[in-house]
N, C-alpha and C. Protein backbone atom coordinates (compact mmCIF):
# COMPACT_ATOMS: atom_id res chain seq x y z
N MET A 1 12.48 -2.40 27.65
CA MET A 1 13.02 -2.68 26.30
C MET A 1 14.54 -2.66 26.35
N THR A 2 15.11 -3.53 25.56
CA THR A 2 16.55 -3.56 25.50
C THR A 2 17.01 -2.41 24.64
N GLU A 3 18.29 -2.11 24.72
CA GLU A 3 18.86 -1.02 23.96
C GLU A 3 18.81 -1.25 22.47
N GLU A 4 19.02 -2.52 22.06
CA GLU A 4 18.99 -2.87 20.67
C GLU A 4 17.57 -2.69 20.10
N LEU A 5 16.56 -3.08 20.87
CA LEU A 5 15.16 -2.91 20.42
C LEU A 5 14.80 -1.46 20.31
N LYS A 6 15.27 -0.63 21.24
CA LYS A 6 15.01 0.82 21.16
C LYS A 6 15.65 1.41 19.93
N MET A 7 16.86 0.95 19.61
CA MET A 7 17.56 1.45 18.42
C MET A 7 16.80 1.06 17.16
N ARG A 8 16.30 -0.19 17.11
CA ARG A 8 15.53 -0.64 15.97
C ARG A 8 14.22 0.16 15.84
N MET A 9 13.58 0.44 16.95
CA MET A 9 12.34 1.21 16.90
C MET A 9 12.62 2.62 16.34
N GLU A 10 13.73 3.22 16.73
CA GLU A 10 14.08 4.54 16.20
C GLU A 10 14.31 4.48 14.69
N VAL A 11 14.93 3.40 14.22
CA VAL A 11 15.17 3.27 12.78
C VAL A 11 13.83 3.19 12.05
N VAL A 12 12.89 2.38 12.58
CA VAL A 12 11.57 2.26 11.96
C VAL A 12 10.84 3.59 11.97
N GLU A 13 10.93 4.33 13.09
CA GLU A 13 10.27 5.63 13.15
C GLU A 13 10.88 6.62 12.14
N ARG A 14 12.20 6.56 11.98
CA ARG A 14 12.82 7.45 10.97
C ARG A 14 12.39 7.06 9.57
N LEU A 15 12.34 5.76 9.28
CA LEU A 15 11.93 5.31 7.95
C LEU A 15 10.49 5.72 7.66
N THR A 16 9.60 5.52 8.61
CA THR A 16 8.19 5.91 8.36
C THR A 16 8.07 7.42 8.17
N ALA A 17 8.84 8.19 8.93
CA ALA A 17 8.81 9.64 8.77
C ALA A 17 9.38 10.06 7.42
N LEU A 18 10.43 9.37 7.00
CA LEU A 18 11.06 9.72 5.73
C LEU A 18 10.16 9.46 4.54
N PHE A 19 9.39 8.38 4.60
CA PHE A 19 8.52 8.03 3.48
C PHE A 19 7.05 8.39 3.71
N ARG A 20 6.77 9.26 4.67
CA ARG A 20 5.39 9.63 4.97
C ARG A 20 4.67 10.22 3.75
N THR A 21 5.30 11.12 3.02
CA THR A 21 4.66 11.75 1.86
C THR A 21 4.34 10.65 0.78
N GLU A 22 5.32 9.78 0.53
CA GLU A 22 5.11 8.74 -0.45
C GLU A 22 3.97 7.80 -0.03
N ARG A 23 3.94 7.45 1.26
CA ARG A 23 2.87 6.60 1.75
C ARG A 23 1.50 7.29 1.61
N MET A 24 1.43 8.57 1.88
CA MET A 24 0.18 9.31 1.73
C MET A 24 -0.28 9.37 0.29
N VAL A 25 0.67 9.54 -0.63
CA VAL A 25 0.33 9.57 -2.07
C VAL A 25 -0.25 8.20 -2.46
N TYR A 26 0.45 7.14 -2.07
CA TYR A 26 -0.03 5.78 -2.39
C TYR A 26 -1.41 5.53 -1.76
N LEU A 27 -1.58 5.95 -0.50
CA LEU A 27 -2.84 5.74 0.16
C LEU A 27 -3.95 6.53 -0.52
N GLY A 28 -3.70 7.78 -0.88
CA GLY A 28 -4.71 8.58 -1.59
C GLY A 28 -5.05 8.01 -2.91
N THR A 29 -4.03 7.53 -3.65
CA THR A 29 -4.29 6.92 -4.96
C THR A 29 -5.11 5.63 -4.79
N THR A 30 -4.82 4.88 -3.78
CA THR A 30 -5.56 3.63 -3.54
C THR A 30 -7.03 3.94 -3.24
N ILE A 31 -7.27 4.93 -2.40
CA ILE A 31 -8.65 5.30 -2.06
C ILE A 31 -9.37 5.82 -3.27
N LEU A 32 -8.75 6.71 -4.04
CA LEU A 32 -9.38 7.22 -5.24
C LEU A 32 -9.70 6.11 -6.23
N SER A 33 -8.79 5.17 -6.39
CA SER A 33 -9.00 4.05 -7.31
C SER A 33 -10.13 3.16 -6.81
N LEU A 34 -10.21 2.97 -5.54
CA LEU A 34 -11.28 2.14 -4.98
C LEU A 34 -12.64 2.81 -5.21
N LEU A 35 -12.69 4.13 -5.03
CA LEU A 35 -13.92 4.85 -5.28
C LEU A 35 -14.33 4.75 -6.76
N MET A 36 -13.35 4.85 -7.66
CA MET A 36 -13.62 4.70 -9.08
C MET A 36 -14.18 3.31 -9.38
N LEU A 37 -13.59 2.32 -8.76
CA LEU A 37 -14.02 0.95 -8.98
C LEU A 37 -15.44 0.75 -8.50
N VAL A 38 -15.77 1.22 -7.31
CA VAL A 38 -17.14 1.07 -6.78
C VAL A 38 -18.10 1.87 -7.65
N GLY A 39 -17.72 3.10 -8.06
CA GLY A 39 -18.58 3.88 -8.91
C GLY A 39 -18.86 3.22 -10.25
N SER A 40 -17.85 2.60 -10.82
CA SER A 40 -18.00 1.88 -12.09
C SER A 40 -18.91 0.68 -11.94
N ALA A 41 -18.72 -0.04 -10.85
CA ALA A 41 -19.57 -1.22 -10.60
C ALA A 41 -21.02 -0.80 -10.41
N LEU A 42 -21.26 0.30 -9.66
CA LEU A 42 -22.63 0.76 -9.47
C LEU A 42 -23.24 1.23 -10.81
N SER A 43 -22.43 1.87 -11.61
CA SER A 43 -22.91 2.33 -12.91
C SER A 43 -23.37 1.12 -13.74
N LEU A 44 -22.60 0.06 -13.75
CA LEU A 44 -22.96 -1.16 -14.51
C LEU A 44 -24.25 -1.77 -13.94
N ILE A 45 -24.38 -1.79 -12.63
CA ILE A 45 -25.55 -2.40 -12.01
C ILE A 45 -26.81 -1.57 -12.29
N ILE A 46 -26.67 -0.24 -12.12
CA ILE A 46 -27.85 0.62 -12.30
C ILE A 46 -28.32 0.62 -13.76
N ARG A 47 -27.41 0.74 -14.69
CA ARG A 47 -27.79 0.84 -16.12
C ARG A 47 -27.89 -0.53 -16.81
N ASP A 48 -27.49 -1.56 -16.09
CA ASP A 48 -27.52 -2.92 -16.68
C ASP A 48 -26.85 -2.93 -18.04
N LYS A 49 -25.62 -2.34 -18.03
CA LYS A 49 -24.86 -2.18 -19.28
C LYS A 49 -23.39 -2.36 -19.02
N ALA A 50 -22.70 -3.10 -19.85
CA ALA A 50 -21.26 -3.33 -19.65
C ALA A 50 -20.54 -2.94 -20.94
N GLY A 51 -20.36 -1.65 -21.15
CA GLY A 51 -19.66 -1.17 -22.31
C GLY A 51 -18.15 -1.14 -22.09
N SER A 52 -17.43 -0.81 -23.12
CA SER A 52 -15.96 -0.79 -23.02
C SER A 52 -15.47 0.30 -22.08
N VAL A 53 -16.18 1.44 -21.98
CA VAL A 53 -15.76 2.48 -21.08
C VAL A 53 -15.85 2.02 -19.62
N GLU A 54 -17.00 1.40 -19.27
CA GLU A 54 -17.16 0.93 -17.92
C GLU A 54 -16.17 -0.16 -17.54
N LEU A 55 -15.94 -1.07 -18.51
CA LEU A 55 -15.01 -2.15 -18.23
C LEU A 55 -13.58 -1.62 -18.12
N SER A 56 -13.19 -0.64 -18.93
CA SER A 56 -11.85 -0.12 -18.82
C SER A 56 -11.66 0.61 -17.49
N MET A 57 -12.70 1.28 -17.00
CA MET A 57 -12.63 1.96 -15.67
C MET A 57 -12.47 0.91 -14.58
N LEU A 58 -13.19 -0.19 -14.71
CA LEU A 58 -13.10 -1.23 -13.70
C LEU A 58 -11.70 -1.87 -13.67
N PHE A 59 -11.20 -2.28 -14.84
CA PHE A 59 -9.91 -2.93 -14.85
C PHE A 59 -8.76 -1.96 -14.62
N GLY A 60 -8.84 -0.72 -15.09
CA GLY A 60 -7.79 0.26 -14.84
C GLY A 60 -7.63 0.59 -13.37
N SER A 61 -8.76 0.86 -12.74
CA SER A 61 -8.67 1.22 -11.29
C SER A 61 -8.30 0.04 -10.43
N SER A 62 -8.75 -1.15 -10.77
CA SER A 62 -8.40 -2.31 -9.94
C SER A 62 -6.91 -2.60 -10.07
N GLY A 63 -6.31 -2.40 -11.22
CA GLY A 63 -4.86 -2.55 -11.37
C GLY A 63 -4.09 -1.52 -10.56
N LEU A 64 -4.59 -0.29 -10.52
CA LEU A 64 -3.95 0.75 -9.73
C LEU A 64 -4.06 0.47 -8.27
N ILE A 65 -5.21 -0.04 -7.86
CA ILE A 65 -5.40 -0.41 -6.45
C ILE A 65 -4.38 -1.48 -6.08
N THR A 66 -4.25 -2.46 -6.91
CA THR A 66 -3.30 -3.57 -6.64
C THR A 66 -1.88 -3.04 -6.52
N TYR A 67 -1.47 -2.18 -7.42
CA TYR A 67 -0.12 -1.67 -7.41
C TYR A 67 0.15 -0.81 -6.17
N THR A 68 -0.73 0.15 -5.89
CA THR A 68 -0.46 1.03 -4.77
C THR A 68 -0.56 0.30 -3.42
N ALA A 69 -1.50 -0.63 -3.30
CA ALA A 69 -1.58 -1.41 -2.06
C ALA A 69 -0.31 -2.26 -1.89
N GLY A 70 0.17 -2.78 -2.99
CA GLY A 70 1.40 -3.57 -2.95
C GLY A 70 2.60 -2.73 -2.51
N ARG A 71 2.68 -1.49 -2.97
CA ARG A 71 3.77 -0.60 -2.57
C ARG A 71 3.66 -0.27 -1.07
N LEU A 72 2.46 -0.06 -0.59
CA LEU A 72 2.28 0.22 0.84
C LEU A 72 2.72 -0.97 1.67
N LEU A 73 2.33 -2.15 1.25
CA LEU A 73 2.72 -3.35 1.99
C LEU A 73 4.24 -3.59 1.89
N PHE A 74 4.84 -3.27 0.76
CA PHE A 74 6.28 -3.42 0.64
C PHE A 74 7.02 -2.52 1.63
N MET A 75 6.57 -1.24 1.68
CA MET A 75 7.23 -0.32 2.62
C MET A 75 7.05 -0.79 4.06
N TRP A 76 5.89 -1.27 4.39
CA TRP A 76 5.64 -1.79 5.77
C TRP A 76 6.54 -2.96 6.04
N GLY A 77 6.68 -3.87 5.06
CA GLY A 77 7.53 -5.03 5.25
C GLY A 77 9.01 -4.66 5.42
N GLU A 78 9.44 -3.66 4.67
CA GLU A 78 10.82 -3.21 4.82
C GLU A 78 11.07 -2.59 6.22
N ALA A 79 10.07 -1.86 6.73
CA ALA A 79 10.18 -1.29 8.07
C ALA A 79 10.25 -2.39 9.11
N LEU A 80 9.43 -3.42 8.95
CA LEU A 80 9.45 -4.52 9.92
C LEU A 80 10.72 -5.32 9.85
N LYS A 81 11.36 -5.39 8.69
CA LYS A 81 12.65 -6.09 8.58
C LYS A 81 13.69 -5.42 9.44
N ARG A 82 13.60 -4.09 9.53
CA ARG A 82 14.57 -3.34 10.35
C ARG A 82 14.31 -3.55 11.85
N LEU A 83 13.10 -3.88 12.18
CA LEU A 83 12.71 -4.02 13.58
C LEU A 83 13.01 -5.43 14.12
N VAL A 84 12.73 -6.45 13.32
CA VAL A 84 12.86 -7.82 13.75
C VAL A 84 14.03 -8.44 13.00
N PRO A 85 15.02 -8.92 13.76
CA PRO A 85 16.15 -9.58 13.09
C PRO A 85 15.72 -10.93 12.49
N SER A 86 16.32 -11.27 11.36
CA SER A 86 15.99 -12.52 10.71
C SER A 86 17.10 -13.51 10.85
N ALA A 87 16.80 -14.77 10.58
CA ALA A 87 17.82 -15.84 10.68
C ALA A 87 18.85 -15.70 9.57
N SER A 88 18.45 -15.13 8.39
CA SER A 88 19.37 -15.07 7.24
C SER A 88 20.53 -14.09 7.49
N ASP A 89 20.32 -13.07 8.33
CA ASP A 89 21.40 -12.12 8.59
C ASP A 89 22.06 -12.39 9.94
N GLY A 90 21.88 -13.53 10.51
CA GLY A 90 22.49 -13.90 11.76
C GLY A 90 21.93 -13.15 12.96
N GLY A 91 20.74 -12.63 12.83
CA GLY A 91 20.14 -11.91 13.94
C GLY A 91 20.51 -10.43 14.01
N LYS A 92 21.20 -9.99 12.96
CA LYS A 92 21.64 -8.58 12.96
C LYS A 92 21.15 -7.93 11.68
N SER A 93 20.83 -6.62 11.76
CA SER A 93 20.42 -5.85 10.58
C SER A 93 21.38 -4.70 10.37
């Protein structure tokens, strides 16, 4: 590996370590929301009933899943930007 690539790898490692707690919170929230969504869907299937409570649980948790997964992907994208130089910055970060 070149020296520049090693330096970029160190930056990514520091960023991931710095945001580890935040990533774990987002991941935990995403998993919890996904479980709520599956539980709500099973409840609707088993009882053959689509009330406002079940629908609000479905839509509320799916929105939370979307938000937290988006934040995780954003953080990952930011880390990769530090690793791979882009054409817009002239190959330098």
